[in-house]
């Protein structure tokens, strides 16, 4: 039987549960804030009952902010190999740099990443997108990756970037985003590596490096 989650509960049932707790005043504000992070449906139910502008709901955002802030601080203390990040315009929007491993076809490349955290973090995977073109079976032509299937609330962005970095050396052609590149990787490895090096040289080296203000990444 397929597994079900709390977010699968019907809206009317969720509504009755929270209204009952409201009437008997047994729900703790911190627990309520955590409940509003479970899914969009729960957040809307809670907002309908308690009001969209109540501090209880801002407490939920506060919990998310603390988690994202803690991840940022931990990242800066112990950054994954070949990776750096900085905050762009809010705590939920980061920019990253990834340096291609010397043992890979991406050696010498400097790859820019855009990182967006959801307002449901950590219950929803962040969006990580390569802003630099990469020839790779697990990255599509728009720089997107698929993180949802491997994401869980205990996962950190440091772990995510570490996994992405490892994919430079060890692509997974059996779980590809770009089927054509995956097929070339499997059947014509030399051609794959030549094209990966050519893309790295064209899109991720001299012009990319010169355009970066490295003082921002110290």
Protein backbone atom coordinates (compact mmCIF):
# COMPACT_ATOMS: atom_id res chain seq x y z
CA UNK A 1 0.00 0.00 0.00
CA UNK A 2 1.31 3.46 -0.90
CA UNK A 3 2.57 5.55 1.97
CA UNK A 4 0.43 8.55 2.95
CA UNK A 5 1.53 11.75 4.64
CA UNK A 6 -0.21 14.19 6.97
CA UNK A 7 -0.41 16.65 4.08
CA UNK A 8 -2.74 14.18 2.28
CA UNK A 9 -5.51 14.72 4.85
CA UNK A 10 -8.68 16.25 3.33
CA UNK A 11 -8.98 19.99 3.84
CA UNK A 12 -12.26 19.71 5.79
CA UNK A 13 -10.76 17.16 8.20
CA UNK A 14 -7.67 19.31 8.78
CA UNK A 15 -9.94 22.30 9.37
CA UNK A 16 -11.96 20.40 12.03
CA UNK A 17 -8.78 19.23 13.78
CA UNK A 18 -7.33 22.74 14.12
CA UNK A 19 -10.67 24.32 15.06
CA UNK A 20 -11.11 21.75 17.83
CA UNK A 21 -7.69 22.60 19.22
CA UNK A 22 -8.57 26.28 19.01
CA UNK A 23 -11.75 25.74 21.03
CA UNK A 24 -10.11 23.73 23.79
CA UNK A 25 -6.94 25.88 23.75
CA UNK A 26 -4.57 22.94 23.92
CA UNK A 27 -2.31 23.83 21.02
CA UNK A 28 1.00 25.50 21.76
CA UNK A 29 1.93 28.47 19.52
CA UNK A 30 5.29 26.92 18.63
CA UNK A 31 3.57 23.66 17.65
CA UNK A 32 1.11 25.65 15.56
CA UNK A 33 3.97 27.39 13.78
CA UNK A 34 5.58 24.05 13.02
CA UNK A 35 2.26 22.68 11.74
CA UNK A 36 2.02 25.56 9.29
CA UNK A 37 5.28 24.37 7.71
CA UNK A 38 3.97 20.92 6.82
CA UNK A 39 2.31 21.93 3.55
CA UNK A 40 0.46 24.73 1.81
CA UNK A 41 -2.95 23.29 2.76
CA UNK A 42 -2.14 23.26 6.49
CA UNK A 43 -0.74 26.78 6.30
CA UNK A 44 -3.91 28.06 4.61
CA UNK A 45 -6.17 26.34 7.15
CA UNK A 46 -4.23 27.84 10.04
CA UNK A 47 -4.23 31.26 8.38
CA UNK A 48 -8.02 31.06 7.89
CA UNK A 49 -8.60 30.21 11.55
CA UNK A 50 -6.05 32.43 13.31
CA UNK A 51 -5.73 35.21 10.77
CA UNK A 52 -3.02 35.82 8.19
CA UNK A 53 -1.36 38.59 10.14
CA UNK A 54 -1.06 36.96 13.55
CA UNK A 55 2.36 36.57 15.09
CA UNK A 56 1.86 32.81 15.25
CA UNK A 57 2.30 32.59 11.48
CA UNK A 58 5.27 34.92 11.51
CA UNK A 59 6.72 32.53 14.07
CA UNK A 60 6.65 29.86 11.37
CA UNK A 61 8.69 32.11 9.11
CA UNK A 62 11.01 32.71 12.03
CA UNK A 63 11.63 28.98 12.38
CA UNK A 64 12.47 28.76 8.67
CA UNK A 65 14.75 31.79 8.91
CA UNK A 66 16.64 30.22 11.80
CA UNK A 67 17.13 26.97 9.86
CA UNK A 68 18.36 28.76 6.72
CA UNK A 69 20.59 31.08 8.76
CA UNK A 70 22.07 28.11 10.63
CA UNK A 71 22.79 26.36 7.32
CA UNK A 72 24.50 29.48 5.98
CA UNK A 73 26.65 29.88 9.09
CA UNK A 74 27.60 26.20 9.10
CA UNK A 75 28.45 26.39 5.41
CA UNK A 76 30.78 29.35 5.95
CA UNK A 77 32.50 27.57 8.85
CA UNK A 78 32.99 24.33 6.93
CA UNK A 79 32.36 24.77 3.18
CA UNK A 80 32.17 21.64 1.01
CA UNK A 81 35.12 21.00 -1.27
CA UNK A 82 35.20 23.31 -4.29
CA UNK A 83 32.16 25.34 -3.21
CA UNK A 84 31.45 28.85 -1.92
CA UNK A 85 28.18 30.70 -1.34
CA UNK A 86 27.00 34.19 -0.50
CA UNK A 87 23.62 35.78 0.22
CA UNK A 88 22.21 37.79 -2.70
CA UNK A 89 19.14 39.84 -1.74
CA UNK A 90 17.56 37.84 1.08
CA UNK A 91 18.29 34.91 3.36
CA UNK A 92 16.28 32.73 0.97
CA UNK A 93 18.33 33.61 -2.12
CA UNK A 94 21.99 32.57 -2.35
CA UNK A 95 24.54 32.55 -5.12
CA UNK A 96 27.15 29.83 -5.30
CA UNK A 97 30.44 29.14 -7.01
CA UNK A 98 31.65 25.64 -7.79
CA UNK A 99 35.17 24.93 -9.06
CA UNK A 100 35.49 21.99 -11.45
CA UNK A 101 37.56 19.13 -9.95
CA UNK A 102 41.03 18.73 -11.46
CA UNK A 103 40.41 15.03 -12.11
CA UNK A 104 37.32 15.72 -14.24
CA UNK A 105 36.58 17.11 -17.73
CA UNK A 106 35.38 20.23 -15.89
CA UNK A 107 38.84 21.05 -14.48
CA UNK A 108 39.60 24.77 -14.41
CA UNK A 109 35.95 25.71 -14.76
CA UNK A 110 34.20 28.19 -12.49
CA UNK A 111 30.47 27.46 -12.36
CA UNK A 112 27.92 29.90 -10.96
CA UNK A 113 24.81 28.58 -9.21
CA UNK A 114 21.55 30.22 -8.19
CA UNK A 115 20.04 28.83 -4.96
CA UNK A 116 16.48 29.57 -3.81
CA UNK A 117 14.97 28.27 -0.57
CA UNK A 118 11.21 27.69 -0.36
CA UNK A 119 9.06 29.31 2.33
CA UNK A 120 8.35 25.68 3.29
CA UNK A 121 12.03 24.87 3.88
CA UNK A 122 13.15 22.30 4.97
CA UNK A 123 10.02 20.38 3.97
CA UNK A 124 10.48 21.33 0.32
CA UNK A 125 13.76 21.01 -1.59
CA UNK A 126 15.62 24.20 -2.52
CA UNK A 127 15.96 25.11 -6.19
CA UNK A 128 19.58 24.92 -7.35
CA UNK A 129 20.27 26.06 -10.91
CA UNK A 130 23.54 26.35 -12.80
CA UNK A 131 23.88 29.82 -14.31
CA UNK A 132 26.92 28.61 -16.27
CA UNK A 133 26.31 26.19 -19.13
CA UNK A 134 27.42 22.63 -18.26
CA UNK A 135 27.59 19.59 -20.52
CA UNK A 136 26.38 16.88 -18.14
CA UNK A 137 23.70 14.15 -18.15
CA UNK A 138 22.31 15.23 -14.76
CA UNK A 139 21.94 18.93 -15.66
CA UNK A 140 19.52 20.14 -18.32
CA UNK A 141 20.05 22.89 -20.90
CA UNK A 142 18.57 25.49 -18.51
CA UNK A 143 20.96 24.44 -15.73
CA UNK A 144 18.30 22.70 -13.68
CA UNK A 145 18.83 19.63 -11.49
CA UNK A 146 16.35 17.25 -9.90
CA UNK A 147 16.67 17.34 -6.11
CA UNK A 148 13.12 16.49 -5.04
CA UNK A 149 13.48 12.70 -5.11
CA UNK A 150 16.50 12.66 -2.78
CA UNK A 151 15.44 15.51 -0.49
CA UNK A 152 14.23 15.12 3.09
CA UNK A 153 13.92 17.69 5.92
CA UNK A 154 17.20 16.51 7.48
CA UNK A 155 19.14 17.26 4.27
CA UNK A 156 21.29 20.40 4.25
CA UNK A 157 22.36 22.59 1.36
CA UNK A 158 25.98 21.68 2.14
CA UNK A 159 25.15 18.03 1.50
CA UNK A 160 23.29 18.92 -1.70
CA UNK A 161 26.24 20.88 -3.12
CA UNK A 162 28.64 18.13 -2.07
CA UNK A 163 26.57 15.61 -4.06
CA UNK A 164 26.43 17.95 -7.07
CA UNK A 165 30.19 18.46 -6.89
CA UNK A 166 30.75 14.69 -6.79
CA UNK A 167 28.67 14.37 -9.98
CA UNK A 168 31.40 16.24 -11.88
CA UNK A 169 33.62 13.21 -11.40
CA UNK A 170 30.90 10.60 -11.36
CA UNK A 171 27.86 11.37 -13.56
CA UNK A 172 24.81 9.15 -13.16
CA UNK A 173 23.64 8.25 -16.69
CA UNK A 174 21.00 5.88 -15.31
CA UNK A 175 19.07 8.75 -13.70
CA UNK A 176 19.57 11.50 -16.30
CA UNK A 177 17.84 14.77 -17.04
CA UNK A 178 19.41 15.01 -20.49
CA UNK A 179 18.88 11.63 -22.18
CA UNK A 180 21.01 12.46 -25.21
CA UNK A 181 24.07 13.35 -23.15
CA UNK A 182 23.50 10.30 -20.95
CA UNK A 183 23.53 8.06 -24.03
CA UNK A 184 26.76 9.64 -25.31
CA UNK A 185 28.33 9.20 -21.87
CA UNK A 186 27.44 5.50 -21.93
CA UNK A 187 28.39 4.72 -25.51
CA UNK A 188 31.02 7.29 -26.51
CA UNK A 189 32.89 8.25 -23.36
CA UNK A 190 35.81 9.93 -25.14
CA UNK A 191 33.44 12.11 -27.18
CA UNK A 192 31.55 13.01 -24.00
CA UNK A 193 34.71 14.09 -22.19
CA UNK A 194 35.94 16.11 -25.17
CA UNK A 195 32.67 18.03 -25.39
CA UNK A 196 32.52 18.54 -21.62
CA UNK A 197 36.04 20.04 -21.73
CA UNK A 198 35.11 22.21 -24.72
CA UNK A 199 32.01 23.59 -22.95
CA UNK A 200 34.03 24.20 -19.79
CA UNK A 201 36.65 26.13 -21.75
CA UNK A 202 34.03 28.11 -23.67
CA UNK A 203 31.56 28.93 -20.90
CA UNK A 204 33.31 28.47 -17.55
CA UNK A 205 36.90 29.67 -17.73
CA UNK A 206 38.57 32.93 -18.83
CA UNK A 207 35.55 35.19 -19.41
CA UNK A 208 33.71 33.75 -16.42
CA UNK A 209 36.63 34.13 -14.04
CA UNK A 210 37.37 37.71 -15.14
CA UNK A 211 33.74 38.72 -14.58
CA UNK A 212 33.69 37.60 -10.94
CA UNK A 213 34.56 39.98 -8.11
CA UNK A 214 36.55 37.50 -6.05
CA UNK A 215 36.64 39.83 -3.02
CA UNK A 216 32.98 38.92 -2.46
CA UNK A 217 33.89 35.26 -2.06
CA UNK A 218 36.73 35.51 0.45
